[in-house]
C-alpha atoms as a PDB file:
ATOM      1  CA  MET A   1     105.106  30.016 180.494  1.00  0.00           C
ATOM      2  CA  LEU A   2     104.294  33.195 178.666  1.00  0.00           C
ATOM      3  CA  ARG A   3     105.766  31.816 175.362  1.00  0.00           C
ATOM      4  CA  ILE A   4     103.369  28.795 175.564  1.00  0.00           C
ATOM      5  CA  ILE A   5     100.279  31.214 176.204  1.00  0.00           C
ATOM      6  CA  ASP A   6     101.635  33.678 173.321  1.00  0.00           C
ATOM      7  CA  GLY A   7     101.983  30.538 170.939  1.00  0.00           C
ATOM      8  CA  ALA A   8      98.408  29.336 171.842  1.00  0.00           C
ATOM      9  CA  SER A   9      97.201  32.898 170.887  1.00  0.00           C
ATOM     10  CA  ARG A  10      99.250  33.115 167.464  1.00  0.00           C
ATOM     11  CA  PHE A  11      98.040  29.389 166.643  1.00  0.00           C
ATOM     12  CA  ALA A  12      94.314  30.693 167.342  1.00  0.00           C
ATOM     13  CA  GLY A  13      94.746  33.800 165.452  1.00  0.00           C
ATOM     14  CA  LEU A  14      96.345  31.826 162.381  1.00  0.00           C
ATOM     15  CA  ILE A  15      93.453  29.393 162.427  1.00  0.00           C
ATOM     16  CA  ALA A  16      91.352  32.426 162.643  1.00  0.00           C
ATOM     17  CA  GLY A  17      92.565  33.955 159.610  1.00  0.00           C
ATOM     18  CA  TRP A  18      92.367  30.840 157.616  1.00  0.00           C
ATOM     19  CA  GLY A  19      88.859  30.282 158.912  1.00  0.00           C
ATOM     20  CA  TYR A  20      88.044  33.620 157.178  1.00  0.00           C
ATOM     21  CA  PHE A  21      89.431  32.525 153.871  1.00  0.00           C
ATOM     22  CA  LEU A  22      87.322  29.034 154.181  1.00  0.00           C
ATOM     23  CA  ILE A  23      84.379  31.320 154.719  1.00  0.00           C
ATOM     24  CA  ALA A  24      85.150  33.371 151.592  1.00  0.00           C
ATOM     25  CA  LEU A  25      85.443  30.147 149.707  1.00  0.00           C
ATOM     26  CA  MET A  26      82.298  28.493 150.925  1.00  0.00           C
ATOM     27  CA  LEU A  27      80.139  31.518 150.321  1.00  0.00           C
ATOM     28  CA  GLY A  28      81.695  31.983 146.974  1.00  0.00           C
ATOM     29  CA  TYR A  29      80.905  28.285 146.385  1.00  0.00           C
ATOM     30  CA  GLU A  30      77.231  29.050 147.407  1.00  0.00           C
ATOM     31  CA  VAL A  31      76.663  31.958 145.090  1.00  0.00           C
ATOM     32  CA  LEU A  32      77.986  29.810 142.021  1.00  0.00           C
ATOM     33  CA  MET A  33      75.713  27.092 143.068  1.00  0.00           C
ATOM     34  CA  ARG A  34      72.691  29.276 143.580  1.00  0.00           C
ATOM     35  CA  TYR A  35      73.217  30.656 139.908  1.00  0.00           C
ATOM     36  CA  LEU A  36      73.517  27.515 138.483  1.00  0.00           C
ATOM     37  CA  GLY A  37      70.259  26.632 140.362  1.00  0.00           C
ATOM     38  CA  ASP A  38      71.731  24.029 142.703  1.00  0.00           C
ATOM     39  CA  PRO A  39      71.993  25.649 146.079  1.00  0.00           C
ATOM     40  CA  THR A  40      73.672  23.862 148.884  1.00  0.00           C
ATOM     41  CA  ILE A  41      72.579  22.853 152.452  1.00  0.00           C
ATOM     42  CA  TRP A  42      75.872  23.333 154.230  1.00  0.00           C
ATOM     43  CA  ALA A  43      77.697  26.378 153.347  1.00  0.00           C
ATOM     44  CA  GLU A  44      75.452  29.075 154.880  1.00  0.00           C
ATOM     45  CA  GLU A  45      75.412  27.318 158.171  1.00  0.00           C
ATOM     46  CA  LEU A  46      79.058  26.181 158.092  1.00  0.00           C
ATOM     47  CA  SER A  47      80.048  29.565 157.062  1.00  0.00           C
ATOM     48  CA  ARG A  48      78.298  31.231 160.246  1.00  0.00           C
ATOM     49  CA  MET A  49      79.670  28.358 162.611  1.00  0.00           C
ATOM     50  CA  VAL A  50      83.479  29.319 161.490  1.00  0.00           C
ATOM     51  CA  LEU A  51      82.659  32.931 161.679  1.00  0.00           C
ATOM     52  CA  ILE A  52      81.925  32.663 165.310  1.00  0.00           C
ATOM     53  CA  TRP A  53      84.987  30.576 166.189  1.00  0.00           C
ATOM     54  CA  ALA A  54      87.391  32.839 163.672  1.00  0.00           C
ATOM     55  CA  THR A  55      86.093  36.207 165.160  1.00  0.00           C
ATOM     56  CA  PHE A  56      86.224  35.088 169.054  1.00  0.00           C
ATOM     57  CA  GLY A  57      89.588  32.839 168.180  1.00  0.00           C
ATOM     58  CA  GLY A  58      91.485  35.705 167.072  1.00  0.00           C
ATOM     59  CA  ALA A  59      90.744  38.085 169.997  1.00  0.00           C
ATOM     60  CA  ALA A  60      93.388  36.764 171.996  1.00  0.00           C
ATOM     61  CA  LEU A  61      96.120  37.500 169.446  1.00  0.00           C
ATOM     62  CA  LEU A  62      94.704  41.010 168.882  1.00  0.00           C
ATOM     63  CA  LEU A  63      94.954  41.350 172.682  1.00  0.00           C
ATOM     64  CA  HIS A  64      98.669  40.191 172.568  1.00  0.00           C
ATOM     65  CA  ARG A  65      99.404  42.599 169.594  1.00  0.00           C
ATOM     66  CA  ARG A  66      97.632  45.194 171.015  1.00  0.00           C
ATOM     67  CA  GLN A  67      95.607  45.598 167.988  1.00  0.00           C
ATOM     68  CA  HIS A  68      92.110  45.849 169.466  1.00  0.00           C
ATOM     69  CA  ILE A  69      90.150  49.217 168.768  1.00  0.00           C
ATOM     70  CA  VAL A  70      91.121  51.692 171.477  1.00  0.00           C
ATOM     71  CA  ILE A  71      90.382  55.248 172.104  1.00  0.00           C
ATOM     72  CA  THR A  72      93.492  57.144 173.576  1.00  0.00           C
ATOM     73  CA  LEU A  73      91.933  60.563 174.214  1.00  0.00           C
ATOM     74  CA  LEU A  74      92.483  60.386 177.748  1.00  0.00           C
ATOM     75  CA  THR A  75      95.087  57.889 178.249  1.00  0.00           C
ATOM     76  CA  ASP A  76      97.639  59.740 175.992  1.00  0.00           C
ATOM     77  CA  ASN A  77      97.959  62.491 178.539  1.00  0.00           C
ATOM     78  CA  LEU A  78      98.300  59.940 181.352  1.00  0.00           C
ATOM     79  CA  SER A  79     101.753  59.859 183.285  1.00  0.00           C
ATOM     80  CA  ALA A  80     103.432  56.590 182.925  1.00  0.00           C
ATOM     81  CA  GLY A  81     102.245  55.371 186.239  1.00  0.00           C
ATOM     82  CA  ALA A  82      98.646  56.242 185.584  1.00  0.00           C
ATOM     83  CA  ARG A  83      98.859  54.527 182.309  1.00  0.00           C
ATOM     84  CA  ARG A  84     100.204  51.389 183.971  1.00  0.00           C
ATOM     85  CA  ALA A  85      97.272  51.353 186.547  1.00  0.00           C
ATOM     86  CA  GLN A  86      94.895  52.126 183.754  1.00  0.00           C
ATOM     87  CA  GLU A  87      96.117  49.123 181.677  1.00  0.00           C
ATOM     88  CA  LEU A  88      96.194  46.625 184.666  1.00  0.00           C
ATOM     89  CA  PHE A  89      92.878  47.685 185.413  1.00  0.00           C
ATOM     90  CA  VAL A  90      91.510  47.158 181.962  1.00  0.00           C
ATOM     91  CA  LEU A  91      93.441  43.830 181.631  1.00  0.00           C
ATOM     92  CA  ALA A  92      91.863  42.668 185.034  1.00  0.00           C
ATOM     93  CA  PHE A  93      88.407  43.731 183.742  1.00  0.00           C
ATOM     94  CA  ILE A  94      89.117  41.300 180.669  1.00  0.00           C
ATOM     95  CA  VAL A  95      90.124  38.567 183.042  1.00  0.00           C
ATOM     96  CA  VAL A  96      87.006  38.883 185.199  1.00  0.00           C
ATOM     97  CA  LEU A  97      84.752  39.402 182.128  1.00  0.00           C
ATOM     98  CA  SER A  98      86.322  36.230 180.340  1.00  0.00           C
ATOM     99  CA  ALA A  99      85.892  34.122 183.465  1.00  0.00           C
ATOM    100  CA  VAL A 100      82.152  34.994 183.730  1.00  0.00           C
ATOM    101  CA  ILE A 101      81.647  34.422 180.163  1.00  0.00           C
ATOM    102  CA  VAL A 102      83.647  31.002 180.387  1.00  0.00           C
ATOM    103  CA  TYR A 103      81.564  29.951 183.389  1.00  0.00           C
ATOM    104  CA  TYR A 104      78.139  30.614 182.065  1.00  0.00           C
ATOM    105  CA  GLY A 105      79.020  29.946 178.331  1.00  0.00           C
ATOM    106  CA  SER A 106      80.460  26.250 179.400  1.00  0.00           C
ATOM    107  CA  GLY A 107      77.070  25.795 181.030  1.00  0.00           C
ATOM    108  CA  ILE A 108      75.071  26.516 177.983  1.00  0.00           C
ATOM    109  CA  ALA A 109      77.200  24.365 175.772  1.00  0.00           C
ATOM    110  CA  MET A 110      77.279  21.579 178.045  1.00  0.00           C
ATOM    111  CA  ASP A 111      73.287  21.631 178.279  1.00  0.00           C
ATOM    112  CA  SER A 112      73.091  21.760 174.557  1.00  0.00           C
ATOM    113  CA  PHE A 113      75.535  18.832 174.436  1.00  0.00           C
ATOM    114  CA  THR A 114      73.552  16.728 177.063  1.00  0.00           C
ATOM    115  CA  ARG A 115      70.177  17.297 175.648  1.00  0.00           C
ATOM    116  CA  GLY A 116      71.376  16.566 172.042  1.00  0.00           C
ATOM    117  CA  ARG A 117      70.392  20.069 170.751  1.00  0.00           C
ATOM    118  CA  THR A 118      70.709  21.001 167.194  1.00  0.00           C
ATOM    119  CA  THR A 119      70.478  23.865 165.063  1.00  0.00           C
ATOM    120  CA  GLY A 120      67.095  22.836 163.499  1.00  0.00           C
ATOM    121  CA  SER A 121      68.299  23.561 160.105  1.00  0.00           C
ATOM    122  CA  MET A 122      68.551  21.299 157.158  1.00  0.00           C
ATOM    123  CA  LEU A 123      72.112  20.615 157.898  1.00  0.00           C
ATOM    124  CA  ASP A 124      70.825  19.941 161.767  1.00  0.00           C
ATOM    125  CA  VAL A 125      74.460  20.047 163.333  1.00  0.00           C
ATOM    126  CA  PRO A 126      74.596  19.916 167.069  1.00  0.00           C
ATOM    127  CA  ALA A 127      74.331  23.521 168.516  1.00  0.00           C
ATOM    128  CA  TRP A 128      77.236  22.956 171.070  1.00  0.00           C
ATOM    129  CA  TRP A 129      79.482  23.126 167.991  1.00  0.00           C
ATOM    130  CA  SER A 130      79.356  26.708 167.684  1.00  0.00           C
ATOM    131  CA  GLN A 131      78.389  27.420 171.252  1.00  0.00           C
ATOM    132  CA  ALA A 132      81.443  25.821 172.667  1.00  0.00           C
ATOM    133  CA  SER A 133      83.602  28.690 170.993  1.00  0.00           C
ATOM    134  CA  ILE A 134      82.427  31.007 173.326  1.00  0.00           C
ATOM    135  CA  PRO A 135      84.028  29.390 176.611  1.00  0.00           C
ATOM    136  CA  ALA A 136      86.947  28.023 174.787  1.00  0.00           C
ATOM    137  CA  CYS A 137      88.023  31.431 173.113  1.00  0.00           C
ATOM    138  CA  PHE A 138      87.204  33.335 176.186  1.00  0.00           C
ATOM    139  CA  ALA A 139      89.415  30.777 178.248  1.00  0.00           C
ATOM    140  CA  LEU A 140      92.287  31.908 175.811  1.00  0.00           C
ATOM    141  CA  LEU A 141      91.483  35.478 175.982  1.00  0.00           C
ATOM    142  CA  GLY A 142      91.088  35.474 179.681  1.00  0.00           C
ATOM    143  CA  ILE A 143      94.616  33.761 180.088  1.00  0.00           C
ATOM    144  CA  GLN A 144      96.041  35.919 177.369  1.00  0.00           C
ATOM    145  CA  ALA A 145      95.110  38.911 179.428  1.00  0.00           C
ATOM    146  CA  LEU A 146      96.772  37.341 182.397  1.00  0.00           C
ATOM    147  CA  ALA A 147      99.907  36.992 180.518  1.00  0.00           C
ATOM    148  CA  GLU A 148      99.902  40.682 179.467  1.00  0.00           C
ATOM    149  CA  ALA A 149      98.904  41.963 182.781  1.00  0.00           C
ATOM    150  CA  LEU A 150     102.021  40.235 184.327  1.00  0.00           C
ATOM    151  CA  ARG A 151     104.135  41.961 181.536  1.00  0.00           C
ATOM    152  CA  VAL A 152     102.898  45.252 182.298  1.00  0.00           C
ATOM    153  CA  ALA A 153     103.236  44.809 185.778  1.00  0.00           C
ATOM    154  CA  VAL A 154     107.016  43.532 185.532  1.00  0.00           C
ATOM    155  CA  ASN A 155     108.153  45.569 182.586  1.00  0.00           C
ATOM    156  CA  GLY A 156     105.880  48.773 182.553  1.00  0.00           C
ATOM    157  CA  ILE A 157     103.400  49.906 179.989  1.00  0.00           C
ATOM    158  CA  ASP A 158     105.959  50.701 177.370  1.00  0.00           C
ATOM    159  CA  SER A 159     106.900  46.914 176.819  1.00  0.00           C
ATOM    160  CA  ALA A 160     103.362  46.300 175.813  1.00  0.00           C
ATOM    161  CA  ALA A 161     102.931  49.422 173.975  1.00  0.00           C
ATOM    162  CA  PRO A 162     100.172  49.139 170.967  1.00  0.00           C
ATOM    163  CA  GLN A 163     101.209  48.940 167.757  1.00  0.00           C
ATOM    164  CA  ARG A 164      99.499  52.370 166.529  1.00  0.00           C
ATOM    165  CA  VAL A 165      97.700  52.775 163.348  1.00  0.00           C
ATOM    166  CA  ASP A 166      96.664  56.297 162.710  1.00  0.00           C
ATOM    167  CA  HIS A 167      94.315  57.015 159.755  1.00  0.00           C
END
C-alpha cells in the first residue's frame, strides 16, 4: 500500500514538474505574441491554473522526499525518541490540516461546479477547474503524510531522514 501511495506522489510530482515546463512555454509564447502585436487570450490564465495544480500537486512528493523547507535549530539537538515524537506530531498536524482543507475546498469547488461559476475573464473557464486542485492535492498530501507517519512509527526517524542540503 505504501508503494502505491509513494507512486501516486511521484506521478503527481512528475506532472507538476512538466507543468512548470508548460508554464514557461506558454508564457514565452505570450511574450513573443505580445511583441508581435497579437497577444493571446489564453496563455496567462492557463498558466495561472497550471501553476496552482503544479504547486500543490508536488507537495506530497516533497513530503515523501523530505524536501520541504525545515528549520532544524531545535530538532537537531533532540534525542532520537523526542525527534520521532516531534516528527509524528508534525505529520499528524499535516493530516488534520489536509483533512480540513479537503473538506472546505471540496465544498467550494462543488459550489462553483453546481452554480456554473466561471473565471469571468476573456477565456471564461469554469472556476472549479482550478479550485478542484486544492482538495485533490491536499488529499494526496494527507495520505502521503499518513504513509510517512507509519514509516516513522514502525522504522524510526532515521528511515525518513531528510536529504539535507546545506547552503
